Amino acid sequence: MESRFMLTGMLIAGTLLGLSTSALAADKKKPATMTGASASMLANTCNGCHGPNGASVGPASPIIGGFSKDYFVETMEGFASGEIPSTIMGRIAKGYSEEEIDALADYFVKQKFVPARQSGDAKLAKKGAKLHDKYCEKCHEDGGVSAEDDAGILAGQWAPYLDMTLADFLKGDRQAPKKMAKKLKKLHEKEGDAGIKALIAYYASRK
């Protein structure tokens, strides 16, 4: 009789252990998300640098409201992997799961892109407009206004941010797409740093 009770107990324990193991395995397959966090709650963590709804008021931080979903996701993945150099974004991006990055992208794509309020050199911007048409228009349509090309919105972006980003591309600290790298190299070889400044002045002047 005692051996029968022991056998029954062992079977029950084995069943419970099996169920527990299955549950743990299932949990491991679930993406690690912030419990109960909505997209807007996740986006609140970006406000300190990128402003409410991605409308940055700090010249070193890009305006991200209105970005395309693909561009947002690719950029976050680039920060997380270290492919895109950063001071703090790499650490921040690593803290999000794929599901959370996707939710953030859905949130910011619905926001309005608010151009930076900044002064500029009209004469330099005029020269930059010609350089844009020659070197950049094919990928950055409508003078850099469009988000549909999945290449980021340049028109109305902060000039200091654009300056730092283009410097990273030119130095090779950040890998540019092949077409962009070729065009940027040609522009710089022919126009020098003055050409880069003119291009930035053009984008900064756009509203």
N, C-alpha and C. Protein backbone atom coordinates (compact mmCIF):
# COMPACT_ATOMS: atom_id res chain seq x y z
N MET A 1 0.84 -1.20 0.00
CA MET A 1 0.00 0.00 0.00
C MET A 1 0.87 1.25 0.00
N GLU A 2 1.89 1.28 0.86
CA GLU A 2 2.76 2.46 0.96
C GLU A 2 3.49 2.71 -0.36
N SER A 3 3.90 1.61 -1.04
CA SER A 3 4.62 1.76 -2.30
C SER A 3 3.71 2.33 -3.37
N ARG A 4 2.37 1.97 -3.28
CA ARG A 4 1.42 2.51 -4.26
C ARG A 4 1.26 4.02 -4.08
N PHE A 5 1.18 4.48 -2.80
CA PHE A 5 1.07 5.91 -2.53
C PHE A 5 2.32 6.66 -3.01
N MET A 6 3.48 6.03 -2.78
CA MET A 6 4.74 6.66 -3.19
C MET A 6 4.79 6.80 -4.71
N LEU A 7 4.34 5.75 -5.42
CA LEU A 7 4.35 5.76 -6.88
C LEU A 7 3.41 6.83 -7.42
N THR A 8 2.21 6.91 -6.79
CA THR A 8 1.23 7.92 -7.21
C THR A 8 1.78 9.33 -7.00
N GLY A 9 2.44 9.53 -5.84
CA GLY A 9 3.02 10.84 -5.54
C GLY A 9 4.11 11.21 -6.53
N MET A 10 4.92 10.22 -6.89
CA MET A 10 5.99 10.47 -7.85
C MET A 10 5.43 10.85 -9.22
N LEU A 11 4.33 10.20 -9.62
CA LEU A 11 3.70 10.49 -10.91
C LEU A 11 3.13 11.91 -10.94
N ILE A 12 2.47 12.29 -9.81
CA ILE A 12 1.89 13.64 -9.71
C ILE A 12 3.00 14.69 -9.76
N ALA A 13 4.08 14.43 -8.99
CA ALA A 13 5.20 15.37 -8.96
C ALA A 13 5.84 15.50 -10.33
N GLY A 14 5.96 14.38 -11.02
CA GLY A 14 6.55 14.39 -12.36
C GLY A 14 5.70 15.18 -13.33
N THR A 15 4.37 15.01 -13.20
CA THR A 15 3.45 15.74 -14.08
C THR A 15 3.55 17.24 -13.85
N LEU A 16 3.56 17.64 -12.54
CA LEU A 16 3.66 19.05 -12.19
C LEU A 16 4.97 19.65 -12.67
N LEU A 17 6.05 18.85 -12.53
CA LEU A 17 7.36 19.32 -12.97
C LEU A 17 7.37 19.53 -14.48
N GLY A 18 6.72 18.60 -15.19
CA GLY A 18 6.63 18.71 -16.65
C GLY A 18 5.86 19.95 -17.06
N LEU A 19 4.75 20.20 -16.36
CA LEU A 19 3.94 21.39 -16.67
C LEU A 19 4.73 22.66 -16.38
N SER A 20 5.46 22.64 -15.26
CA SER A 20 6.25 23.81 -14.88
C SER A 20 7.33 24.10 -15.91
N THR A 21 8.01 23.02 -16.38
CA THR A 21 9.06 23.17 -17.38
C THR A 21 8.50 23.71 -18.69
N SER A 22 7.32 23.21 -19.07
CA SER A 22 6.68 23.67 -20.30
C SER A 22 6.32 25.14 -20.21
N ALA A 23 5.84 25.56 -19.03
CA ALA A 23 5.45 26.95 -18.83
C ALA A 23 6.65 27.88 -18.92
N LEU A 24 7.78 27.41 -18.33
CA LEU A 24 8.99 28.22 -18.39
C LEU A 24 9.49 28.36 -19.81
N ALA A 25 9.40 27.24 -20.57
CA ALA A 25 9.83 27.27 -21.96
C ALA A 25 8.97 28.22 -22.77
N ALA A 26 7.67 28.23 -22.49
CA ALA A 26 6.76 29.12 -23.20
C ALA A 26 7.06 30.56 -22.87
N ASP A 27 7.37 30.83 -21.59
CA ASP A 27 7.68 32.19 -21.17
C ASP A 27 8.93 32.71 -21.86
N LYS A 28 9.91 31.81 -22.07
CA LYS A 28 11.15 32.22 -22.70
C LYS A 28 10.94 32.65 -24.15
N LYS A 29 9.88 32.12 -24.79
CA LYS A 29 9.60 32.46 -26.17
C LYS A 29 8.92 33.81 -26.30
N LYS A 30 8.33 34.30 -25.21
CA LYS A 30 7.64 35.58 -25.25
C LYS A 30 8.65 36.72 -25.24
N PRO A 31 8.39 37.78 -26.02
CA PRO A 31 9.31 38.92 -26.00
C PRO A 31 9.30 39.62 -24.66
N ALA A 32 10.47 40.08 -24.23
CA ALA A 32 10.57 40.77 -22.94
C ALA A 32 10.05 42.20 -23.12
N THR A 33 8.87 42.48 -22.64
CA THR A 33 8.28 43.81 -22.76
C THR A 33 8.08 44.42 -21.40
N MET A 34 7.94 45.73 -21.39
CA MET A 34 7.64 46.42 -20.15
C MET A 34 6.18 46.19 -19.82
N THR A 35 5.90 45.52 -18.74
CA THR A 35 4.53 45.12 -18.40
C THR A 35 3.59 46.31 -18.38
N GLY A 36 2.59 46.23 -19.24
CA GLY A 36 1.55 47.24 -19.25
C GLY A 36 1.93 48.56 -19.90
N ALA A 37 3.13 48.67 -20.45
CA ALA A 37 3.57 49.94 -21.03
C ALA A 37 2.97 50.13 -22.42
N SER A 38 2.27 51.24 -22.61
CA SER A 38 1.72 51.57 -23.93
C SER A 38 2.81 52.25 -24.75
N ALA A 39 2.53 52.45 -26.03
CA ALA A 39 3.51 53.11 -26.91
C ALA A 39 3.81 54.52 -26.42
N SER A 40 2.78 55.23 -25.96
CA SER A 40 3.00 56.60 -25.49
C SER A 40 3.82 56.61 -24.20
N MET A 41 3.64 55.60 -23.35
CA MET A 41 4.43 55.50 -22.13
C MET A 41 5.90 55.26 -22.47
N LEU A 42 6.15 54.40 -23.45
CA LEU A 42 7.51 54.13 -23.88
C LEU A 42 8.13 55.39 -24.47
N ALA A 43 7.33 56.13 -25.24
CA ALA A 43 7.82 57.34 -25.90
C ALA A 43 8.18 58.43 -24.90
N ASN A 44 7.55 58.41 -23.73
CA ASN A 44 7.85 59.42 -22.71
C ASN A 44 9.32 59.39 -22.29
N THR A 45 9.95 58.22 -22.40
CA THR A 45 11.35 58.10 -22.01
C THR A 45 12.27 58.83 -23.00
N CYS A 46 11.74 59.20 -24.16
CA CYS A 46 12.54 59.89 -25.18
C CYS A 46 12.45 61.41 -25.07
N ASN A 47 11.48 61.88 -24.25
CA ASN A 47 11.20 63.31 -24.18
C ASN A 47 12.39 64.15 -23.74
N GLY A 48 13.20 63.63 -22.83
CA GLY A 48 14.29 64.40 -22.27
C GLY A 48 15.25 64.92 -23.32
N CYS A 49 15.50 64.12 -24.36
CA CYS A 49 16.44 64.53 -25.41
C CYS A 49 15.74 64.96 -26.69
N HIS A 50 14.67 64.25 -27.05
CA HIS A 50 14.02 64.48 -28.34
C HIS A 50 12.74 65.31 -28.25
N GLY A 51 12.38 65.74 -27.04
CA GLY A 51 11.21 66.59 -26.88
C GLY A 51 9.91 65.82 -26.95
N PRO A 52 8.82 66.40 -26.45
CA PRO A 52 7.51 65.76 -26.53
C PRO A 52 7.13 65.46 -27.98
N ASN A 53 6.70 64.24 -28.22
CA ASN A 53 6.29 63.79 -29.56
C ASN A 53 7.42 63.87 -30.58
N GLY A 54 8.65 63.88 -30.09
CA GLY A 54 9.81 63.85 -30.99
C GLY A 54 10.19 65.19 -31.56
N ALA A 55 9.61 66.29 -31.01
CA ALA A 55 9.92 67.65 -31.49
C ALA A 55 11.07 68.21 -30.66
N SER A 56 12.28 67.84 -31.01
CA SER A 56 13.47 68.22 -30.24
C SER A 56 13.70 69.72 -30.20
N VAL A 57 14.10 70.21 -29.02
CA VAL A 57 14.46 71.62 -28.87
C VAL A 57 15.96 71.76 -28.56
N GLY A 58 16.66 70.64 -28.60
CA GLY A 58 18.10 70.64 -28.34
C GLY A 58 18.85 70.39 -29.63
N PRO A 59 19.72 71.30 -30.07
CA PRO A 59 20.38 71.20 -31.38
C PRO A 59 21.24 69.96 -31.61
N ALA A 60 21.62 69.28 -30.54
CA ALA A 60 22.44 68.08 -30.72
C ALA A 60 21.58 66.82 -30.87
N SER A 61 20.27 66.95 -30.61
CA SER A 61 19.36 65.81 -30.69
C SER A 61 18.41 65.98 -31.87
N PRO A 62 18.33 64.99 -32.73
CA PRO A 62 17.48 65.13 -33.92
C PRO A 62 15.99 65.16 -33.60
N ILE A 63 15.24 65.81 -34.47
CA ILE A 63 13.78 65.77 -34.41
C ILE A 63 13.36 64.44 -35.00
N ILE A 64 12.61 63.63 -34.25
CA ILE A 64 12.28 62.28 -34.72
C ILE A 64 10.79 62.08 -34.98
N GLY A 65 9.96 63.04 -34.61
CA GLY A 65 8.54 62.92 -34.91
C GLY A 65 8.32 62.96 -36.41
N GLY A 66 7.53 62.02 -36.94
CA GLY A 66 7.25 62.01 -38.37
C GLY A 66 8.18 61.14 -39.19
N PHE A 67 9.20 60.53 -38.55
CA PHE A 67 10.09 59.62 -39.27
C PHE A 67 9.29 58.43 -39.80
N SER A 68 9.76 57.82 -40.86
CA SER A 68 9.12 56.61 -41.35
C SER A 68 9.41 55.46 -40.39
N LYS A 69 8.56 54.47 -40.39
CA LYS A 69 8.73 53.35 -39.46
C LYS A 69 10.02 52.58 -39.77
N ASP A 70 10.25 52.30 -41.04
CA ASP A 70 11.44 51.53 -41.41
C ASP A 70 12.72 52.25 -40.98
N TYR A 71 12.76 53.56 -41.21
CA TYR A 71 13.96 54.32 -40.86
C TYR A 71 14.16 54.33 -39.34
N PHE A 72 13.07 54.51 -38.60
CA PHE A 72 13.16 54.52 -37.13
C PHE A 72 13.69 53.19 -36.61
N VAL A 73 13.10 52.09 -37.08
CA VAL A 73 13.50 50.76 -36.62
C VAL A 73 14.95 50.47 -36.99
N GLU A 74 15.33 50.76 -38.23
CA GLU A 74 16.70 50.50 -38.67
C GLU A 74 17.71 51.31 -37.86
N THR A 75 17.35 52.54 -37.53
CA THR A 75 18.24 53.39 -36.75
C THR A 75 18.41 52.85 -35.33
N MET A 76 17.32 52.46 -34.71
CA MET A 76 17.38 51.90 -33.36
C MET A 76 18.19 50.60 -33.34
N GLU A 77 18.00 49.78 -34.35
CA GLU A 77 18.76 48.54 -34.44
C GLU A 77 20.25 48.83 -34.65
N GLY A 78 20.54 49.89 -35.41
CA GLY A 78 21.92 50.28 -35.63
C GLY A 78 22.59 50.75 -34.35
N PHE A 79 21.84 51.48 -33.53
CA PHE A 79 22.38 51.92 -32.24
C PHE A 79 22.62 50.71 -31.33
N ALA A 80 21.65 49.81 -31.29
CA ALA A 80 21.74 48.64 -30.40
C ALA A 80 22.92 47.75 -30.77
N SER A 81 23.19 47.61 -32.06
CA SER A 81 24.28 46.73 -32.52
C SER A 81 25.64 47.41 -32.45
N GLY A 82 25.63 48.75 -32.34
CA GLY A 82 26.88 49.48 -32.33
C GLY A 82 27.31 49.93 -33.73
N GLU A 83 26.51 49.59 -34.73
CA GLU A 83 26.82 49.98 -36.11
C GLU A 83 26.79 51.50 -36.27
N ILE A 84 25.87 52.14 -35.53
CA ILE A 84 25.79 53.59 -35.54
C ILE A 84 26.45 54.10 -34.26
N PRO A 85 27.49 54.93 -34.38
CA PRO A 85 28.18 55.43 -33.18
C PRO A 85 27.28 56.34 -32.36
N SER A 86 27.46 56.32 -31.05
CA SER A 86 26.63 57.14 -30.18
C SER A 86 27.30 57.32 -28.83
N THR A 87 26.80 58.29 -28.08
CA THR A 87 27.29 58.49 -26.72
C THR A 87 26.39 57.76 -25.73
N ILE A 88 25.09 57.84 -25.96
CA ILE A 88 24.14 57.24 -25.02
C ILE A 88 23.08 56.36 -25.69
N MET A 89 22.78 56.63 -26.98
CA MET A 89 21.70 55.90 -27.64
C MET A 89 21.96 54.40 -27.74
N GLY A 90 23.22 54.00 -27.83
CA GLY A 90 23.52 52.58 -27.90
C GLY A 90 23.04 51.85 -26.67
N ARG A 91 23.28 52.44 -25.51
CA ARG A 91 22.85 51.82 -24.26
C ARG A 91 21.33 51.84 -24.14
N ILE A 92 20.73 52.94 -24.57
CA ILE A 92 19.27 53.05 -24.49
C ILE A 92 18.60 52.04 -25.40
N ALA A 93 19.07 51.95 -26.65
CA ALA A 93 18.46 51.06 -27.64
C ALA A 93 18.53 49.59 -27.20
N LYS A 94 19.63 49.22 -26.54
CA LYS A 94 19.78 47.83 -26.08
C LYS A 94 18.75 47.46 -25.02
N GLY A 95 18.20 48.48 -24.36
CA GLY A 95 17.23 48.22 -23.30
C GLY A 95 15.83 47.91 -23.79
N TYR A 96 15.61 48.07 -25.10
CA TYR A 96 14.28 47.81 -25.66
C TYR A 96 14.24 46.46 -26.38
N SER A 97 13.11 45.79 -26.29
CA SER A 97 12.91 44.56 -27.07
C SER A 97 12.49 44.96 -28.48
N GLU A 98 12.48 44.00 -29.39
CA GLU A 98 12.05 44.27 -30.77
C GLU A 98 10.60 44.77 -30.78
N GLU A 99 9.80 44.19 -29.91
CA GLU A 99 8.39 44.59 -29.85
C GLU A 99 8.24 46.03 -29.39
N GLU A 100 9.06 46.44 -28.44
CA GLU A 100 9.01 47.81 -27.92
C GLU A 100 9.50 48.82 -28.96
N ILE A 101 10.55 48.46 -29.70
CA ILE A 101 11.05 49.34 -30.76
C ILE A 101 9.98 49.51 -31.83
N ASP A 102 9.30 48.42 -32.15
CA ASP A 102 8.22 48.46 -33.13
C ASP A 102 7.09 49.38 -32.66
N ALA A 103 6.78 49.31 -31.37
CA ALA A 103 5.72 50.15 -30.80
C ALA A 103 6.13 51.62 -30.81
N LEU A 104 7.39 51.88 -30.51
CA LEU A 104 7.91 53.26 -30.55
C LEU A 104 7.85 53.82 -31.97
N ALA A 105 8.22 52.97 -32.94
CA ALA A 105 8.18 53.40 -34.34
C ALA A 105 6.76 53.76 -34.75
N ASP A 106 5.80 52.93 -34.36
CA ASP A 106 4.39 53.20 -34.68
C ASP A 106 3.93 54.51 -34.06
N TYR A 107 4.45 54.82 -32.88
CA TYR A 107 4.06 56.06 -32.20
C TYR A 107 4.64 57.28 -32.91
N PHE A 108 5.94 57.27 -33.17
CA PHE A 108 6.59 58.46 -33.74
C PHE A 108 6.23 58.70 -35.20
N VAL A 109 5.90 57.67 -35.94
CA VAL A 109 5.52 57.86 -37.33
C VAL A 109 4.21 58.65 -37.44
N LYS A 110 3.40 58.59 -36.38
CA LYS A 110 2.11 59.31 -36.38
C LYS A 110 2.25 60.76 -35.93
N GLN A 111 3.42 61.12 -35.41
CA GLN A 111 3.61 62.49 -34.91
C GLN A 111 4.01 63.43 -36.05
N LYS A 112 3.76 64.70 -35.85
CA LYS A 112 4.10 65.70 -36.85
C LYS A 112 5.57 66.09 -36.72
N PHE A 113 6.25 66.21 -37.86
CA PHE A 113 7.63 66.69 -37.84
C PHE A 113 7.58 68.20 -37.64
N VAL A 114 8.20 68.67 -36.57
CA VAL A 114 8.20 70.10 -36.24
C VAL A 114 9.59 70.66 -36.54
N PRO A 115 9.74 71.46 -37.62
CA PRO A 115 11.05 72.00 -37.98
C PRO A 115 11.69 72.81 -36.85
N ALA A 116 12.99 72.73 -36.76
CA ALA A 116 13.72 73.48 -35.73
C ALA A 116 13.67 74.98 -36.00
N ARG A 117 13.57 75.74 -34.94
CA ARG A 117 13.63 77.20 -35.07
C ARG A 117 15.09 77.62 -34.95
N GLN A 118 15.66 77.98 -36.08
CA GLN A 118 17.08 78.33 -36.09
C GLN A 118 17.35 79.35 -37.19
N SER A 119 18.34 80.17 -36.95
CA SER A 119 18.72 81.18 -37.94
C SER A 119 19.71 80.57 -38.92
N GLY A 120 19.90 81.24 -40.06
CA GLY A 120 20.83 80.70 -41.04
C GLY A 120 21.27 81.76 -42.04
N ASP A 121 22.16 81.34 -42.92
CA ASP A 121 22.72 82.21 -43.95
C ASP A 121 21.97 81.94 -45.26
N ALA A 122 21.15 82.88 -45.70
CA ALA A 122 20.32 82.70 -46.89
C ALA A 122 21.16 82.48 -48.15
N LYS A 123 22.28 83.20 -48.25
CA LYS A 123 23.15 83.06 -49.43
C LYS A 123 23.78 81.67 -49.47
N LEU A 124 24.20 81.19 -48.32
CA LEU A 124 24.81 79.86 -48.23
C LEU A 124 23.77 78.78 -48.50
N ALA A 125 22.56 79.01 -48.01
CA ALA A 125 21.47 78.05 -48.23
C ALA A 125 21.12 77.93 -49.71
N LYS A 126 21.21 79.04 -50.41
CA LYS A 126 20.92 79.05 -51.85
C LYS A 126 21.92 78.18 -52.61
N LYS A 127 23.18 78.27 -52.21
CA LYS A 127 24.20 77.42 -52.81
C LYS A 127 23.94 75.96 -52.45
N GLY A 128 23.54 75.74 -51.19
CA GLY A 128 23.26 74.38 -50.73
C GLY A 128 22.11 73.74 -51.48
N ALA A 129 21.14 74.55 -51.90
CA ALA A 129 19.99 74.03 -52.65
C ALA A 129 20.45 73.42 -53.97
N LYS A 130 21.42 74.07 -54.61
CA LYS A 130 21.95 73.55 -55.88
C LYS A 130 22.72 72.25 -55.65
N LEU A 131 23.45 72.20 -54.55
CA LEU A 131 24.20 70.98 -54.22
C LEU A 131 23.26 69.82 -53.90
N HIS A 132 22.18 70.15 -53.21
CA HIS A 132 21.18 69.11 -52.92
C HIS A 132 20.62 68.52 -54.20
N ASP A 133 20.23 69.40 -55.13
CA ASP A 133 19.65 68.94 -56.40
C ASP A 133 20.62 68.06 -57.16
N LYS A 134 21.90 68.38 -57.06
CA LYS A 134 22.91 67.63 -57.81
C LYS A 134 23.30 66.32 -57.16
N TYR A 135 23.39 66.31 -55.84
CA TYR A 135 23.95 65.14 -55.15
C TYR A 135 22.95 64.33 -54.31
N CYS A 136 21.87 64.95 -53.86
CA CYS A 136 21.06 64.31 -52.82
C CYS A 136 19.59 64.06 -53.17
N GLU A 137 19.07 64.76 -54.16
CA GLU A 137 17.64 64.75 -54.42
C GLU A 137 17.07 63.37 -54.74
N LYS A 138 17.85 62.52 -55.37
CA LYS A 138 17.34 61.20 -55.77
C LYS A 138 16.94 60.34 -54.58
N CYS A 139 17.64 60.52 -53.46
CA CYS A 139 17.33 59.73 -52.26
C CYS A 139 16.55 60.52 -51.22
N HIS A 140 16.73 61.84 -51.22
CA HIS A 140 16.05 62.72 -50.26
C HIS A 140 15.12 63.64 -51.04
N GLU A 141 13.97 63.11 -51.42
CA GLU A 141 13.05 63.82 -52.31
C GLU A 141 12.47 65.09 -51.70
N ASP A 142 12.01 65.96 -52.60
CA ASP A 142 11.34 67.21 -52.21
C ASP A 142 12.21 68.06 -51.29
N GLY A 143 13.48 68.11 -51.59
CA GLY A 143 14.38 68.94 -50.79
C GLY A 143 14.63 68.42 -49.40
N GLY A 144 14.49 67.10 -49.23
CA GLY A 144 14.74 66.50 -47.92
C GLY A 144 13.54 66.52 -46.99
N VAL A 145 12.37 66.86 -47.53
CA VAL A 145 11.15 66.95 -46.71
C VAL A 145 10.49 65.58 -46.51
N SER A 146 10.55 64.74 -47.52
CA SER A 146 9.80 63.50 -47.52
C SER A 146 10.36 62.45 -46.56
N ALA A 147 9.44 61.79 -45.86
CA ALA A 147 9.82 60.67 -45.00
C ALA A 147 9.61 59.35 -45.73
N GLU A 148 8.94 59.41 -46.88
CA GLU A 148 8.57 58.21 -47.63
C GLU A 148 9.77 57.49 -48.22
N ASP A 149 10.89 58.19 -48.38
CA ASP A 149 12.06 57.54 -48.97
C ASP A 149 12.85 56.72 -47.95
N ASP A 150 12.38 56.73 -46.68
CA ASP A 150 13.01 55.94 -45.61
C ASP A 150 14.49 56.28 -45.43
N ALA A 151 14.83 57.55 -45.66
CA ALA A 151 16.21 57.99 -45.51
C ALA A 151 16.33 59.10 -44.49
N GLY A 152 15.29 59.32 -43.72
CA GLY A 152 15.32 60.37 -42.71
C GLY A 152 14.87 61.71 -43.27
N ILE A 153 14.28 62.54 -42.43
CA ILE A 153 13.87 63.88 -42.83
C ILE A 153 15.01 64.85 -42.55
N LEU A 154 15.49 65.52 -43.59
CA LEU A 154 16.61 66.44 -43.45
C LEU A 154 16.16 67.89 -43.38
N ALA A 155 15.12 68.23 -44.13
CA ALA A 155 14.63 69.60 -44.17
C ALA A 155 14.07 70.01 -42.81
N GLY A 156 14.60 71.10 -42.25
CA GLY A 156 14.12 71.58 -40.96
C GLY A 156 14.80 70.92 -39.77
N GLN A 157 15.74 70.02 -40.06
CA GLN A 157 16.47 69.34 -38.97
C GLN A 157 17.51 70.29 -38.38
N TRP A 158 17.89 70.06 -37.13
CA TRP A 158 18.88 70.90 -36.47
C TRP A 158 20.22 70.86 -37.22
N ALA A 159 20.78 72.05 -37.51
CA ALA A 159 22.05 72.15 -38.22
C ALA A 159 23.21 71.49 -37.46
N PRO A 160 23.36 71.71 -36.14
CA PRO A 160 24.46 71.05 -35.42
C PRO A 160 24.38 69.53 -35.49
N TYR A 161 23.16 68.99 -35.43
CA TYR A 161 23.00 67.54 -35.53
C TYR A 161 23.43 67.05 -36.91
N LEU A 162 22.99 67.74 -37.96
CA LEU A 162 23.36 67.35 -39.33
C LEU A 162 24.87 67.44 -39.52
N ASP A 163 25.48 68.46 -38.94
CA ASP A 163 26.93 68.65 -39.04
C ASP A 163 27.67 67.47 -38.41
N MET A 164 27.25 67.07 -37.21
CA MET A 164 27.90 65.95 -36.52
C MET A 164 27.70 64.64 -37.27
N THR A 165 26.49 64.45 -37.80
CA THR A 165 26.18 63.20 -38.50
C THR A 165 26.97 63.07 -39.79
N LEU A 166 27.01 64.15 -40.58
CA LEU A 166 27.77 64.11 -41.84
C LEU A 166 29.26 63.95 -41.56
N ALA A 167 29.73 64.53 -40.48
CA ALA A 167 31.14 64.37 -40.10
C ALA A 167 31.45 62.90 -39.81
N ASP A 168 30.53 62.22 -39.14
CA ASP A 168 30.71 60.79 -38.84
C ASP A 168 30.76 59.97 -40.13
N PHE A 169 29.90 60.31 -41.10
CA PHE A 169 29.90 59.61 -42.39
C PHE A 169 31.21 59.86 -43.14
N LEU A 170 31.65 61.10 -43.17
CA LEU A 170 32.87 61.45 -43.90
C LEU A 170 34.12 60.81 -43.29
N LYS A 171 34.15 60.72 -41.97
CA LYS A 171 35.31 60.11 -41.29
C LYS A 171 35.26 58.59 -41.33
N GLY A 172 34.12 58.04 -41.69
CA GLY A 172 33.99 56.59 -41.72
C GLY A 172 33.60 56.00 -40.38
N ASP A 173 33.28 56.86 -39.41
CA ASP A 173 32.84 56.36 -38.10
C ASP A 173 31.44 55.76 -38.19
N ARG A 174 30.69 56.21 -39.18
CA ARG A 174 29.37 55.66 -39.43
C ARG A 174 29.29 55.23 -40.88
N GLN A 175 28.81 54.02 -41.10
CA GLN A 175 28.76 53.47 -42.44
C GLN A 175 27.56 54.01 -43.21
N ALA A 176 27.82 54.65 -44.32
CA ALA A 176 26.75 55.19 -45.16
C ALA A 176 26.35 54.15 -46.22
N PRO A 177 25.09 54.17 -46.66
CA PRO A 177 24.71 53.31 -47.79
C PRO A 177 25.63 53.60 -48.98
N LYS A 178 25.87 52.62 -49.84
CA LYS A 178 26.85 52.76 -50.93
C LYS A 178 26.59 53.98 -51.80
N LYS A 179 25.32 54.18 -52.17
CA LYS A 179 24.99 55.29 -53.05
C LYS A 179 25.28 56.63 -52.36
N MET A 180 24.89 56.71 -51.09
CA MET A 180 25.12 57.94 -50.34
C MET A 180 26.61 58.20 -50.16
N ALA A 181 27.35 57.16 -49.82
CA ALA A 181 28.79 57.29 -49.60
C ALA A 181 29.49 57.81 -50.86
N LYS A 182 29.07 57.32 -52.01
CA LYS A 182 29.66 57.73 -53.28
C LYS A 182 29.35 59.20 -53.57
N LYS A 183 28.09 59.59 -53.38
CA LYS A 183 27.67 60.97 -53.66
C LYS A 183 28.33 61.95 -52.68
N LEU A 184 28.36 61.56 -51.41
CA LEU A 184 28.94 62.43 -50.38
C LEU A 184 30.44 62.63 -50.61
N LYS A 185 31.09 61.58 -51.03
CA LYS A 185 32.54 61.67 -51.31
C LYS A 185 32.79 62.62 -52.48
N LYS A 186 31.99 62.50 -53.54
CA LYS A 186 32.13 63.37 -54.70
C LYS A 186 31.90 64.82 -54.33
N LEU A 187 30.84 65.05 -53.55
CA LEU A 187 30.52 66.41 -53.12
C LEU A 187 31.68 67.01 -52.33
N HIS A 188 32.21 66.24 -51.39
CA HIS A 188 33.28 66.74 -50.52
C HIS A 188 34.57 66.96 -51.29
N GLU A 189 34.87 66.07 -52.23
CA GLU A 189 36.09 66.21 -53.03
C GLU A 189 36.04 67.47 -53.90
N LYS A 190 34.86 67.78 -54.42
CA LYS A 190 34.72 68.93 -55.31
C LYS A 190 34.48 70.24 -54.57
N GLU A 191 33.68 70.19 -53.51
CA GLU A 191 33.27 71.41 -52.82
C GLU A 191 33.94 71.62 -51.46
N GLY A 192 34.54 70.56 -50.92
CA GLY A 192 35.20 70.67 -49.62
C GLY A 192 34.24 70.87 -48.46
N ASP A 193 34.78 71.28 -47.32
CA ASP A 193 33.96 71.51 -46.12
C ASP A 193 32.93 72.61 -46.36
N ALA A 194 33.27 73.57 -47.24
CA ALA A 194 32.34 74.67 -47.53
C ALA A 194 31.07 74.15 -48.18
N GLY A 195 31.22 73.13 -49.01
CA GLY A 195 30.06 72.53 -49.67
C GLY A 195 29.16 71.82 -48.67
N ILE A 196 29.76 71.15 -47.71
CA ILE A 196 29.00 70.47 -46.66
C ILE A 196 28.22 71.50 -45.83
N LYS A 197 28.89 72.60 -45.50
CA LYS A 197 28.24 73.66 -44.71
C LYS A 197 27.07 74.28 -45.48
N ALA A 198 27.25 74.44 -46.79
CA ALA A 198 26.19 75.01 -47.62
C ALA A 198 24.99 74.06 -47.66
N LEU A 199 25.26 72.79 -47.78
CA LEU A 199 24.19 71.79 -47.82
C LEU A 199 23.41 71.79 -46.51
N ILE A 200 24.12 71.85 -45.39
CA ILE A 200 23.49 71.88 -44.08
C ILE A 200 22.67 73.16 -43.92
N ALA A 201 23.20 74.27 -44.41
CA ALA A 201 22.48 75.54 -44.33
C ALA A 201 21.18 75.47 -45.10
N TYR A 202 21.20 74.77 -46.22
CA TYR A 202 19.98 74.60 -47.02
C TYR A 202 18.92 73.83 -46.24
N TYR A 203 19.31 72.68 -45.69
CA TYR A 203 18.35 71.86 -44.95
C TYR A 203 17.82 72.60 -43.71
N ALA A 204 18.72 73.30 -43.04
CA ALA A 204 18.33 74.04 -41.84
C ALA A 204 17.34 75.17 -42.15
N SER A 205 17.41 75.70 -43.37
CA SER A 205 16.54 76.81 -43.75
C SER A 205 15.15 76.35 -44.16
N ARG A 206 15.01 75.05 -44.42
CA ARG A 206 13.72 74.53 -44.90
C ARG A 206 12.71 74.44 -43.77
N LYS A 207 11.48 74.79 -44.04
CA LYS A 207 10.40 74.76 -43.04
C LYS A 207 9.27 73.84 -43.48
